[in-house]
Amino acid sequence: KLASNGGNVMFVGTKRSARDNIREEAARCGMPYVNQRWLGGMLTNFKTVKQSIKRLKDLEGMESDGTFEKLGKKEILMRRRELEKLERGLGGIKNMNGLPDALFVVDVGYEKIAITEARKLGIPVVGVVDTNNSPEGIDYVIPGNDDAIKAIQLYVTAMADAIVEGKASSSVAPAAAGDEFVEVDEQASA
C-alpha cells in the first residue's frame, strides 16, 4: 500500500546471512537498503548523512569523468579508498532524497539502533521477529526465523514482490483516478 502511494521502504539487514538478499531484492524493487553497517544517526542525523552521500556522488563523478587521472598516485589511492568506504556504508541509500516512510528489518535484535532511530522519528517498522527477541517497538511483526538464509530470502523476496506489485498498481491508478464517478439515485431515474 505504501509503495503504491510512492513511499520508500528502507531494507535493513546487516548480518552476514542477510546482506546479499537485502541488496539484490532492494535493488530489484528500487528501494534504499543498508546491508553493511548501520551508521549511528543514519536517520536521526540525516542532514549529515546527506552530506556524505553528496561526497560519494562527487567522488563517483570525478572517477567517471577522468579527474582522478590528473591527480598524483597517492591522491588517487586516497580518493579511491574514500570512495570504497563511502560506497560500502552509504551505497544502498545514495539515491534516497529524504527519510524513508517505513523500515523493513530482518533481525530486530541485531538492528536495535536502526529501530530506535525509526521509533524516535515515528517511522513505522516492519520486522522479522524470532523467538529470541521481543516484538516490542515493532509496528508490524513478522514472526519467523531470522537466522536461516532460506527463511530470510523468503521474507525479503515477499516484501520486494509486494513493493513491486504496489508500484505497478500505482501506475495504473492515476489513469482511473481522473474519471469522475457520479452516483445515480435509482428511484429518482425510474
N, C-alpha and C. Protein backbone atom coordinates (compact mmCIF):
# COMPACT_ATOMS: atom_id res chain seq x y z
N LYS A 1 0.84 -1.19 0.00
CA LYS A 1 0.00 0.00 0.00
C LYS A 1 0.88 1.25 0.00
N LEU A 2 1.93 1.22 0.83
CA LEU A 2 2.84 2.36 0.94
C LEU A 2 3.54 2.61 -0.39
N ALA A 3 3.99 1.53 -1.05
CA ALA A 3 4.70 1.66 -2.33
C ALA A 3 3.78 2.19 -3.42
N SER A 4 2.50 1.84 -3.36
CA SER A 4 1.57 2.32 -4.39
C SER A 4 1.34 3.82 -4.26
N ASN A 5 1.57 4.37 -3.06
CA ASN A 5 1.45 5.82 -2.86
C ASN A 5 2.78 6.54 -3.08
N GLY A 6 3.78 5.84 -3.58
CA GLY A 6 5.08 6.44 -3.87
C GLY A 6 5.99 6.51 -2.67
N GLY A 7 5.71 5.74 -1.63
CA GLY A 7 6.53 5.75 -0.42
C GLY A 7 7.79 4.92 -0.57
N ASN A 8 8.76 5.20 0.31
CA ASN A 8 10.02 4.47 0.32
C ASN A 8 10.07 3.54 1.52
N VAL A 9 10.48 2.31 1.30
CA VAL A 9 10.68 1.35 2.37
C VAL A 9 12.17 1.02 2.40
N MET A 10 12.83 1.33 3.51
CA MET A 10 14.26 1.05 3.61
C MET A 10 14.45 -0.38 4.13
N PHE A 11 15.21 -1.18 3.39
CA PHE A 11 15.52 -2.55 3.79
C PHE A 11 16.76 -2.51 4.68
N VAL A 12 16.70 -3.15 5.84
CA VAL A 12 17.84 -3.17 6.75
C VAL A 12 18.14 -4.61 7.13
N GLY A 13 19.36 -5.04 6.82
CA GLY A 13 19.82 -6.38 7.19
C GLY A 13 21.33 -6.42 7.09
N THR A 14 22.01 -6.23 8.22
CA THR A 14 23.47 -6.12 8.17
C THR A 14 24.18 -7.41 8.58
N LYS A 15 23.44 -8.42 9.03
CA LYS A 15 24.12 -9.67 9.38
C LYS A 15 24.51 -10.41 8.11
N ARG A 16 25.56 -11.19 8.19
CA ARG A 16 26.13 -11.84 7.00
C ARG A 16 25.11 -12.66 6.22
N SER A 17 24.22 -13.35 6.91
CA SER A 17 23.26 -14.22 6.22
C SER A 17 22.21 -13.43 5.45
N ALA A 18 22.06 -12.13 5.75
CA ALA A 18 21.02 -11.34 5.08
C ALA A 18 21.56 -10.38 4.03
N ARG A 19 22.84 -10.06 4.07
CA ARG A 19 23.41 -9.00 3.23
C ARG A 19 23.09 -9.11 1.75
N ASP A 20 23.38 -10.25 1.16
CA ASP A 20 23.22 -10.39 -0.29
C ASP A 20 21.76 -10.32 -0.71
N ASN A 21 20.89 -11.01 0.05
CA ASN A 21 19.45 -10.98 -0.27
C ASN A 21 18.90 -9.57 -0.17
N ILE A 22 19.29 -8.86 0.87
CA ILE A 22 18.81 -7.48 1.07
C ILE A 22 19.21 -6.62 -0.13
N ARG A 23 20.48 -6.69 -0.53
CA ARG A 23 20.97 -5.87 -1.64
C ARG A 23 20.24 -6.19 -2.95
N GLU A 24 20.13 -7.48 -3.27
CA GLU A 24 19.52 -7.89 -4.54
C GLU A 24 18.04 -7.50 -4.61
N GLU A 25 17.30 -7.82 -3.56
CA GLU A 25 15.85 -7.58 -3.60
C GLU A 25 15.51 -6.10 -3.49
N ALA A 26 16.26 -5.35 -2.69
CA ALA A 26 16.01 -3.91 -2.59
C ALA A 26 16.31 -3.23 -3.92
N ALA A 27 17.38 -3.67 -4.58
CA ALA A 27 17.71 -3.10 -5.89
C ALA A 27 16.64 -3.47 -6.91
N ARG A 28 16.10 -4.69 -6.83
CA ARG A 28 15.07 -5.14 -7.76
C ARG A 28 13.82 -4.28 -7.67
N CYS A 29 13.45 -3.89 -6.44
CA CYS A 29 12.23 -3.10 -6.30
C CYS A 29 12.53 -1.60 -6.19
N GLY A 30 13.79 -1.22 -6.33
CA GLY A 30 14.16 0.20 -6.37
C GLY A 30 14.04 0.91 -5.03
N MET A 31 14.32 0.22 -3.95
CA MET A 31 14.23 0.81 -2.62
C MET A 31 15.62 0.94 -1.99
N PRO A 32 15.77 1.89 -1.07
CA PRO A 32 17.06 2.04 -0.38
C PRO A 32 17.31 0.86 0.56
N TYR A 33 18.58 0.58 0.83
CA TYR A 33 18.90 -0.53 1.73
C TYR A 33 20.19 -0.25 2.48
N VAL A 34 20.32 -0.90 3.64
CA VAL A 34 21.56 -0.88 4.41
C VAL A 34 21.91 -2.33 4.65
N ASN A 35 23.04 -2.77 4.10
CA ASN A 35 23.40 -4.18 4.26
C ASN A 35 24.82 -4.37 4.80
N GLN A 36 25.50 -3.30 5.12
CA GLN A 36 26.83 -3.46 5.70
C GLN A 36 26.80 -3.13 7.19
N ARG A 37 26.93 -1.88 7.54
CA ARG A 37 26.92 -1.49 8.94
C ARG A 37 25.97 -0.33 9.08
N TRP A 38 25.13 -0.38 10.12
CA TRP A 38 24.23 0.73 10.37
C TRP A 38 25.05 1.83 11.01
N LEU A 39 25.17 2.96 10.33
CA LEU A 39 25.91 4.08 10.89
C LEU A 39 24.99 4.82 11.84
N GLY A 40 25.44 5.02 13.08
CA GLY A 40 24.62 5.72 14.06
C GLY A 40 24.20 7.08 13.54
N GLY A 41 22.93 7.41 13.66
CA GLY A 41 22.43 8.69 13.17
C GLY A 41 22.04 8.69 11.71
N MET A 42 21.99 7.51 11.10
CA MET A 42 21.66 7.44 9.67
C MET A 42 20.27 8.03 9.39
N LEU A 43 19.37 7.92 10.36
CA LEU A 43 18.04 8.52 10.21
C LEU A 43 17.92 9.80 11.02
N THR A 44 18.35 9.74 12.30
CA THR A 44 18.16 10.89 13.18
C THR A 44 19.08 12.06 12.82
N ASN A 45 20.19 11.79 12.17
CA ASN A 45 21.10 12.85 11.76
C ASN A 45 21.25 12.81 10.24
N PHE A 46 20.13 12.77 9.55
CA PHE A 46 20.14 12.57 8.09
C PHE A 46 20.80 13.72 7.36
N LYS A 47 20.77 14.92 7.95
CA LYS A 47 21.39 16.08 7.31
C LYS A 47 22.88 15.82 7.06
N THR A 48 23.56 15.29 8.06
CA THR A 48 24.99 14.99 7.94
C THR A 48 25.21 13.82 6.98
N VAL A 49 24.36 12.82 7.06
CA VAL A 49 24.47 11.66 6.17
C VAL A 49 24.30 12.10 4.72
N LYS A 50 23.41 13.07 4.51
CA LYS A 50 23.17 13.60 3.16
C LYS A 50 24.44 14.24 2.59
N GLN A 51 25.22 14.90 3.46
CA GLN A 51 26.49 15.49 3.01
C GLN A 51 27.47 14.40 2.58
N SER A 52 27.49 13.30 3.33
CA SER A 52 28.36 12.18 2.96
C SER A 52 27.91 11.56 1.65
N ILE A 53 26.60 11.49 1.43
CA ILE A 53 26.07 10.96 0.16
C ILE A 53 26.49 11.87 -0.99
N LYS A 54 26.45 13.19 -0.75
CA LYS A 54 26.87 14.15 -1.77
C LYS A 54 28.35 13.94 -2.10
N ARG A 55 29.17 13.71 -1.08
CA ARG A 55 30.60 13.47 -1.28
C ARG A 55 30.80 12.18 -2.09
N LEU A 56 30.02 11.15 -1.79
CA LEU A 56 30.10 9.89 -2.53
C LEU A 56 29.79 10.12 -4.00
N LYS A 57 28.73 10.87 -4.28
CA LYS A 57 28.35 11.15 -5.67
C LYS A 57 29.41 12.00 -6.37
N ASP A 58 30.00 12.96 -5.64
CA ASP A 58 31.07 13.78 -6.21
C ASP A 58 32.27 12.90 -6.61
N LEU A 59 32.67 12.00 -5.70
CA LEU A 59 33.80 11.12 -5.99
C LEU A 59 33.50 10.19 -7.17
N GLU A 60 32.27 9.69 -7.24
CA GLU A 60 31.90 8.84 -8.38
C GLU A 60 31.96 9.63 -9.68
N GLY A 61 31.51 10.87 -9.63
CA GLY A 61 31.57 11.74 -10.80
C GLY A 61 33.00 12.01 -11.23
N MET A 62 33.87 12.26 -10.24
CA MET A 62 35.29 12.51 -10.54
C MET A 62 35.93 11.28 -11.18
N GLU A 63 35.56 10.11 -10.70
CA GLU A 63 36.14 8.88 -11.25
C GLU A 63 35.67 8.65 -12.68
N SER A 64 34.39 8.91 -12.93
CA SER A 64 33.85 8.65 -14.27
C SER A 64 34.29 9.68 -15.31
N ASP A 65 34.49 10.93 -14.90
CA ASP A 65 34.88 11.94 -15.90
C ASP A 65 36.40 12.10 -16.06
N GLY A 66 37.17 11.25 -15.38
CA GLY A 66 38.62 11.23 -15.59
C GLY A 66 39.41 12.22 -14.75
N THR A 67 38.79 12.87 -13.78
CA THR A 67 39.51 13.82 -12.92
C THR A 67 40.55 13.10 -12.07
N PHE A 68 40.27 11.84 -11.72
CA PHE A 68 41.21 11.05 -10.92
C PHE A 68 42.56 10.92 -11.61
N GLU A 69 42.54 10.79 -12.93
CA GLU A 69 43.77 10.55 -13.68
C GLU A 69 44.73 11.73 -13.63
N LYS A 70 44.20 12.93 -13.36
CA LYS A 70 45.04 14.12 -13.31
C LYS A 70 45.75 14.28 -11.97
N LEU A 71 45.36 13.47 -10.98
CA LEU A 71 45.94 13.56 -9.64
C LEU A 71 47.17 12.67 -9.52
N GLY A 72 47.92 12.87 -8.44
CA GLY A 72 49.09 12.04 -8.18
C GLY A 72 48.67 10.66 -7.70
N LYS A 73 49.63 9.71 -7.67
CA LYS A 73 49.33 8.33 -7.29
C LYS A 73 48.74 8.24 -5.89
N LYS A 74 49.36 8.95 -4.95
CA LYS A 74 48.91 8.89 -3.56
C LYS A 74 47.51 9.49 -3.42
N GLU A 75 47.29 10.59 -4.10
CA GLU A 75 45.97 11.25 -4.06
C GLU A 75 44.89 10.35 -4.66
N ILE A 76 45.21 9.67 -5.76
CA ILE A 76 44.26 8.74 -6.39
C ILE A 76 43.93 7.62 -5.41
N LEU A 77 44.96 7.07 -4.77
CA LEU A 77 44.77 5.98 -3.81
C LEU A 77 43.87 6.42 -2.65
N MET A 78 44.13 7.61 -2.12
CA MET A 78 43.32 8.12 -1.00
C MET A 78 41.87 8.33 -1.42
N ARG A 79 41.65 8.89 -2.60
CA ARG A 79 40.28 9.13 -3.08
C ARG A 79 39.55 7.81 -3.34
N ARG A 80 40.27 6.83 -3.91
CA ARG A 80 39.63 5.53 -4.17
C ARG A 80 39.23 4.85 -2.87
N ARG A 81 40.12 4.93 -1.85
CA ARG A 81 39.80 4.34 -0.54
C ARG A 81 38.58 5.02 0.06
N GLU A 82 38.53 6.35 -0.03
CA GLU A 82 37.39 7.09 0.50
C GLU A 82 36.11 6.69 -0.24
N LEU A 83 36.22 6.57 -1.56
CA LEU A 83 35.07 6.17 -2.38
C LEU A 83 34.57 4.78 -1.98
N GLU A 84 35.50 3.83 -1.81
CA GLU A 84 35.11 2.47 -1.42
C GLU A 84 34.45 2.44 -0.05
N LYS A 85 34.99 3.23 0.88
CA LYS A 85 34.43 3.28 2.23
C LYS A 85 33.02 3.86 2.22
N LEU A 86 32.84 4.96 1.48
CA LEU A 86 31.52 5.58 1.39
C LEU A 86 30.54 4.67 0.66
N GLU A 87 31.00 4.01 -0.39
CA GLU A 87 30.14 3.09 -1.15
C GLU A 87 29.68 1.93 -0.27
N ARG A 88 30.59 1.44 0.55
CA ARG A 88 30.26 0.32 1.44
C ARG A 88 29.20 0.75 2.47
N GLY A 89 29.38 1.92 3.04
CA GLY A 89 28.47 2.38 4.09
C GLY A 89 27.18 3.00 3.59
N LEU A 90 27.26 3.74 2.48
CA LEU A 90 26.10 4.52 2.02
C LEU A 90 25.62 4.15 0.62
N GLY A 91 26.22 3.16 0.00
CA GLY A 91 25.86 2.81 -1.38
C GLY A 91 24.39 2.49 -1.58
N GLY A 92 23.78 1.86 -0.59
CA GLY A 92 22.38 1.48 -0.71
C GLY A 92 21.40 2.62 -0.55
N ILE A 93 21.87 3.73 0.05
CA ILE A 93 20.95 4.85 0.27
C ILE A 93 21.34 6.09 -0.53
N LYS A 94 22.27 5.95 -1.48
CA LYS A 94 22.75 7.14 -2.18
C LYS A 94 21.68 7.81 -3.05
N ASN A 95 20.63 7.08 -3.42
CA ASN A 95 19.56 7.68 -4.22
C ASN A 95 18.34 8.05 -3.38
N MET A 96 18.50 8.00 -2.06
CA MET A 96 17.40 8.34 -1.15
C MET A 96 17.46 9.84 -0.86
N ASN A 97 16.39 10.55 -1.19
CA ASN A 97 16.39 12.01 -1.03
C ASN A 97 15.98 12.47 0.35
N GLY A 98 15.16 11.69 1.02
CA GLY A 98 14.69 12.06 2.35
C GLY A 98 14.58 10.83 3.22
N LEU A 99 13.96 11.00 4.37
CA LEU A 99 13.78 9.86 5.27
C LEU A 99 12.82 8.85 4.65
N PRO A 100 13.02 7.57 4.93
CA PRO A 100 12.10 6.56 4.40
C PRO A 100 10.74 6.64 5.09
N ASP A 101 9.72 6.10 4.45
CA ASP A 101 8.38 6.10 5.03
C ASP A 101 8.17 4.89 5.93
N ALA A 102 9.01 3.87 5.79
CA ALA A 102 8.94 2.68 6.63
C ALA A 102 10.29 1.97 6.60
N LEU A 103 10.53 1.13 7.61
CA LEU A 103 11.75 0.34 7.69
C LEU A 103 11.36 -1.13 7.66
N PHE A 104 12.04 -1.93 6.85
CA PHE A 104 11.85 -3.38 6.86
C PHE A 104 13.13 -3.98 7.42
N VAL A 105 13.04 -4.57 8.62
CA VAL A 105 14.22 -5.06 9.33
C VAL A 105 14.17 -6.57 9.42
N VAL A 106 15.29 -7.22 9.06
CA VAL A 106 15.33 -8.68 9.08
C VAL A 106 15.52 -9.24 10.48
N ASP A 107 16.47 -8.77 11.26
CA ASP A 107 16.69 -9.28 12.62
C ASP A 107 16.57 -8.12 13.59
N VAL A 108 15.45 -8.06 14.33
CA VAL A 108 15.20 -6.91 15.19
C VAL A 108 16.18 -6.83 16.37
N GLY A 109 16.73 -7.97 16.79
CA GLY A 109 17.71 -7.96 17.87
C GLY A 109 19.04 -7.39 17.40
N TYR A 110 19.42 -7.70 16.19
CA TYR A 110 20.70 -7.29 15.62
C TYR A 110 20.68 -5.83 15.18
N GLU A 111 19.51 -5.32 14.84
CA GLU A 111 19.37 -3.96 14.30
C GLU A 111 18.69 -3.02 15.28
N LYS A 112 19.03 -3.13 16.56
CA LYS A 112 18.39 -2.31 17.60
C LYS A 112 18.52 -0.82 17.35
N ILE A 113 19.69 -0.38 16.91
CA ILE A 113 19.95 1.05 16.71
C ILE A 113 19.04 1.60 15.62
N ALA A 114 18.90 0.86 14.53
CA ALA A 114 18.04 1.31 13.43
C ALA A 114 16.60 1.44 13.91
N ILE A 115 16.13 0.48 14.68
CA ILE A 115 14.76 0.50 15.18
C ILE A 115 14.56 1.66 16.15
N THR A 116 15.53 1.90 17.02
CA THR A 116 15.44 3.01 17.97
C THR A 116 15.35 4.34 17.23
N GLU A 117 16.17 4.52 16.20
CA GLU A 117 16.13 5.76 15.42
C GLU A 117 14.78 5.93 14.72
N ALA A 118 14.26 4.85 14.16
CA ALA A 118 12.96 4.92 13.48
C ALA A 118 11.85 5.26 14.48
N ARG A 119 11.92 4.69 15.68
CA ARG A 119 10.93 4.98 16.72
C ARG A 119 10.96 6.47 17.09
N LYS A 120 12.16 7.02 17.24
CA LYS A 120 12.30 8.45 17.60
C LYS A 120 11.65 9.35 16.57
N LEU A 121 11.75 8.95 15.30
CA LEU A 121 11.23 9.78 14.22
C LEU A 121 9.80 9.41 13.82
N GLY A 122 9.23 8.40 14.48
CA GLY A 122 7.87 7.99 14.16
C GLY A 122 7.74 7.24 12.85
N ILE A 123 8.82 6.63 12.40
CA ILE A 123 8.80 5.84 11.16
C ILE A 123 8.34 4.43 11.50
N PRO A 124 7.29 3.92 10.85
CA PRO A 124 6.82 2.56 11.16
C PRO A 124 7.86 1.50 10.79
N VAL A 125 7.93 0.45 11.63
CA VAL A 125 8.91 -0.61 11.43
C VAL A 125 8.21 -1.94 11.18
N VAL A 126 8.58 -2.58 10.07
CA VAL A 126 8.13 -3.94 9.77
C VAL A 126 9.33 -4.82 10.09
N GLY A 127 9.17 -5.77 11.01
CA GLY A 127 10.33 -6.54 11.42
C GLY A 127 10.08 -8.02 11.52
N VAL A 128 11.10 -8.80 11.13
CA VAL A 128 11.07 -10.25 11.32
C VAL A 128 11.55 -10.49 12.75
N VAL A 129 10.67 -11.06 13.58
CA VAL A 129 10.98 -11.26 14.99
C VAL A 129 11.08 -12.75 15.27
N ASP A 130 12.26 -13.17 15.71
CA ASP A 130 12.50 -14.56 16.08
C ASP A 130 12.10 -14.75 17.54
N THR A 131 12.10 -15.99 18.01
CA THR A 131 11.70 -16.27 19.39
C THR A 131 12.69 -15.73 20.41
N ASN A 132 13.89 -15.40 19.99
CA ASN A 132 14.88 -14.88 20.92
C ASN A 132 14.85 -13.35 21.04
N ASN A 133 13.85 -12.70 20.44
CA ASN A 133 13.74 -11.24 20.53
C ASN A 133 12.32 -10.84 20.90
N SER A 134 12.22 -9.64 21.46
CA SER A 134 10.91 -9.12 21.85
C SER A 134 10.32 -8.32 20.69
N PRO A 135 9.02 -8.46 20.45
CA PRO A 135 8.39 -7.69 19.37
C PRO A 135 8.05 -6.26 19.79
N GLU A 136 8.49 -5.86 20.97
CA GLU A 136 8.21 -4.52 21.46
C GLU A 136 8.87 -3.46 20.58
N GLY A 137 8.10 -2.44 20.23
CA GLY A 137 8.64 -1.36 19.41
C GLY A 137 8.54 -1.63 17.91
N ILE A 138 8.04 -2.79 17.54
CA ILE A 138 7.87 -3.14 16.12
C ILE A 138 6.40 -2.94 15.77
N ASP A 139 6.13 -2.14 14.76
CA ASP A 139 4.74 -1.85 14.39
C ASP A 139 4.07 -3.03 13.70
N TYR A 140 4.79 -3.67 12.79
CA TYR A 140 4.24 -4.80 12.04
C TYR A 140 5.18 -5.98 12.21
N VAL A 141 4.77 -6.94 13.02
CA VAL A 141 5.62 -8.07 13.36
C VAL A 141 5.43 -9.21 12.36
N ILE A 142 6.55 -9.75 11.88
CA ILE A 142 6.54 -10.96 11.06
C ILE A 142 7.24 -12.02 11.91
N PRO A 143 6.47 -12.92 12.56
CA PRO A 143 7.12 -13.94 13.39
C PRO A 143 7.81 -14.97 12.51
N GLY A 144 9.06 -15.26 12.80
CA GLY A 144 9.76 -16.26 11.99
C GLY A 144 11.25 -16.30 12.28
N ASN A 145 11.90 -17.27 11.67
CA ASN A 145 13.33 -17.48 11.84
C ASN A 145 14.10 -16.38 11.11
N ASP A 146 14.98 -15.69 11.84
CA ASP A 146 15.77 -14.63 11.21
C ASP A 146 17.23 -15.02 11.04
N ASP A 147 17.52 -16.31 11.20
CA ASP A 147 18.90 -16.77 11.08
C ASP A 147 19.16 -17.56 9.80
N ALA A 148 18.21 -18.38 9.38
CA ALA A 148 18.39 -19.23 8.20
C ALA A 148 18.34 -18.40 6.92
N ILE A 149 19.27 -18.64 6.03
CA ILE A 149 19.37 -17.88 4.78
C ILE A 149 18.11 -18.07 3.93
N LYS A 150 17.59 -19.30 3.86
CA LYS A 150 16.38 -19.57 3.06
C LYS A 150 15.19 -18.80 3.61
N ALA A 151 15.06 -18.74 4.94
CA ALA A 151 13.94 -18.02 5.57
C ALA A 151 14.06 -16.53 5.28
N ILE A 152 15.27 -15.99 5.42
CA ILE A 152 15.50 -14.57 5.15
C ILE A 152 15.15 -14.27 3.69
N GLN A 153 15.58 -15.15 2.80
CA GLN A 153 15.30 -14.97 1.37
C GLN A 153 13.79 -14.93 1.12
N LEU A 154 13.05 -15.78 1.82
CA LEU A 154 11.59 -15.82 1.68
C LEU A 154 10.97 -14.49 2.09
N TYR A 155 11.36 -13.96 3.27
CA TYR A 155 10.78 -12.70 3.76
C TYR A 155 11.13 -11.53 2.85
N VAL A 156 12.39 -11.44 2.49
CA VAL A 156 12.86 -10.30 1.70
C VAL A 156 12.25 -10.33 0.30
N THR A 157 12.17 -11.51 -0.29
CA THR A 157 11.57 -11.64 -1.62
C THR A 157 10.09 -11.29 -1.57
N ALA A 158 9.39 -11.75 -0.54
CA ALA A 158 7.96 -11.44 -0.39
C ALA A 158 7.75 -9.94 -0.24
N MET A 159 8.59 -9.29 0.54
CA MET A 159 8.48 -7.84 0.74
C MET A 159 8.75 -7.11 -0.58
N ALA A 160 9.79 -7.52 -1.29
CA ALA A 160 10.12 -6.88 -2.57
C ALA A 160 9.01 -7.10 -3.59
N ASP A 161 8.44 -8.31 -3.61
CA ASP A 161 7.32 -8.59 -4.53
C ASP A 161 6.13 -7.69 -4.22
N ALA A 162 5.84 -7.51 -2.93
CA ALA A 162 4.72 -6.65 -2.53
C ALA A 162 4.96 -5.21 -2.97
N ILE A 163 6.20 -4.75 -2.87
CA ILE A 163 6.53 -3.38 -3.28
C ILE A 163 6.41 -3.23 -4.79
N VAL A 164 6.94 -4.21 -5.53
CA VAL A 164 6.84 -4.17 -7.00
C VAL A 164 5.37 -4.17 -7.42
N GLU A 165 4.58 -5.01 -6.76
CA GLU A 165 3.15 -5.08 -7.05
C GLU A 165 2.46 -3.75 -6.72
N GLY A 166 2.84 -3.15 -5.60
CA GLY A 166 2.27 -1.86 -5.20
C GLY A 166 2.62 -0.76 -6.18
N LYS A 167 3.87 -0.76 -6.64
CA LYS A 167 4.29 0.23 -7.63
C LYS A 167 3.54 0.05 -8.95
N ALA A 168 3.34 -1.21 -9.34
CA ALA A 168 2.63 -1.50 -10.59
C ALA A 168 1.18 -1.04 -10.51
N SER A 169 0.56 -1.24 -9.36
CA SER A 169 -0.84 -0.82 -9.21
C SER A 169 -0.96 0.69 -9.16
N SER A 170 0.09 1.38 -8.70
CA SER A 170 0.03 2.85 -8.65
C SER A 170 0.15 3.45 -10.04
N SER A 171 0.86 2.76 -10.95
CA SER A 171 0.99 3.30 -12.31
C SER A 171 -0.32 3.17 -13.09
N VAL A 172 -1.17 2.25 -12.67
CA VAL A 172 -2.48 2.08 -13.30
C VAL A 172 -3.49 3.02 -12.67
N ALA A 173 -3.37 3.25 -11.36
CA ALA A 173 -4.35 4.02 -10.60
C ALA A 173 -4.53 5.47 -11.08
N PRO A 174 -3.47 6.22 -11.44
CA PRO A 174 -3.68 7.61 -11.83
C PRO A 174 -4.62 7.79 -13.02
N ALA A 175 -4.60 6.87 -13.97
CA ALA A 175 -5.49 6.98 -15.13
C ALA A 175 -6.94 6.84 -14.69
N ALA A 176 -7.19 5.92 -13.78
CA ALA A 176 -8.56 5.71 -13.30
C ALA A 176 -8.99 6.83 -12.36
N ALA A 177 -8.04 7.45 -11.67
CA ALA A 177 -8.37 8.49 -10.70
C ALA A 177 -8.95 9.73 -11.39
N GLY A 178 -8.60 9.94 -12.64
CA GLY A 178 -9.10 11.11 -13.37
C GLY A 178 -10.58 10.99 -13.72
N ASP A 179 -11.09 9.77 -13.80
CA ASP A 179 -12.51 9.57 -14.11
C ASP A 179 -13.36 10.00 -12.93
N GLU A 180 -14.44 10.65 -13.22
CA GLU A 180 -15.35 11.04 -12.15
C GLU A 180 -16.49 10.05 -12.10
N PHE A 181 -16.79 9.62 -10.90
CA PHE A 181 -17.91 8.71 -10.71
C PHE A 181 -19.06 9.49 -10.09
N VAL A 182 -20.21 9.37 -10.70
CA VAL A 182 -21.39 10.07 -10.19
C VAL A 182 -22.40 9.02 -9.78
N GLU A 183 -22.86 9.14 -8.54
CA GLU A 183 -23.87 8.19 -8.07
C GLU A 183 -25.23 8.62 -8.59
N VAL A 184 -25.95 7.68 -9.11
CA VAL A 184 -27.29 7.96 -9.63
C VAL A 184 -28.29 7.29 -8.70
N ASP A 185 -29.23 8.07 -8.24
CA ASP A 185 -30.27 7.52 -7.38
C ASP A 185 -31.24 6.75 -8.26
N GLU A 186 -31.31 5.43 -8.07
CA GLU A 186 -32.13 4.57 -8.94
C GLU A 186 -33.61 4.93 -8.90
N GLN A 187 -34.10 5.33 -7.74
CA GLN A 187 -35.53 5.64 -7.62
C GLN A 187 -35.88 6.93 -8.33
N ALA A 188 -34.97 7.89 -8.33
CA ALA A 188 -35.23 9.18 -8.97
C ALA A 188 -35.30 9.03 -10.49
N SER A 189 -34.49 8.13 -11.06
CA SER A 189 -34.48 7.97 -12.51
C SER A 189 -35.63 7.09 -13.00
N ALA A 190 -36.25 6.33 -12.10
CA ALA A 190 -37.32 5.42 -12.53
C ALA A 190 -38.67 6.07 -12.62
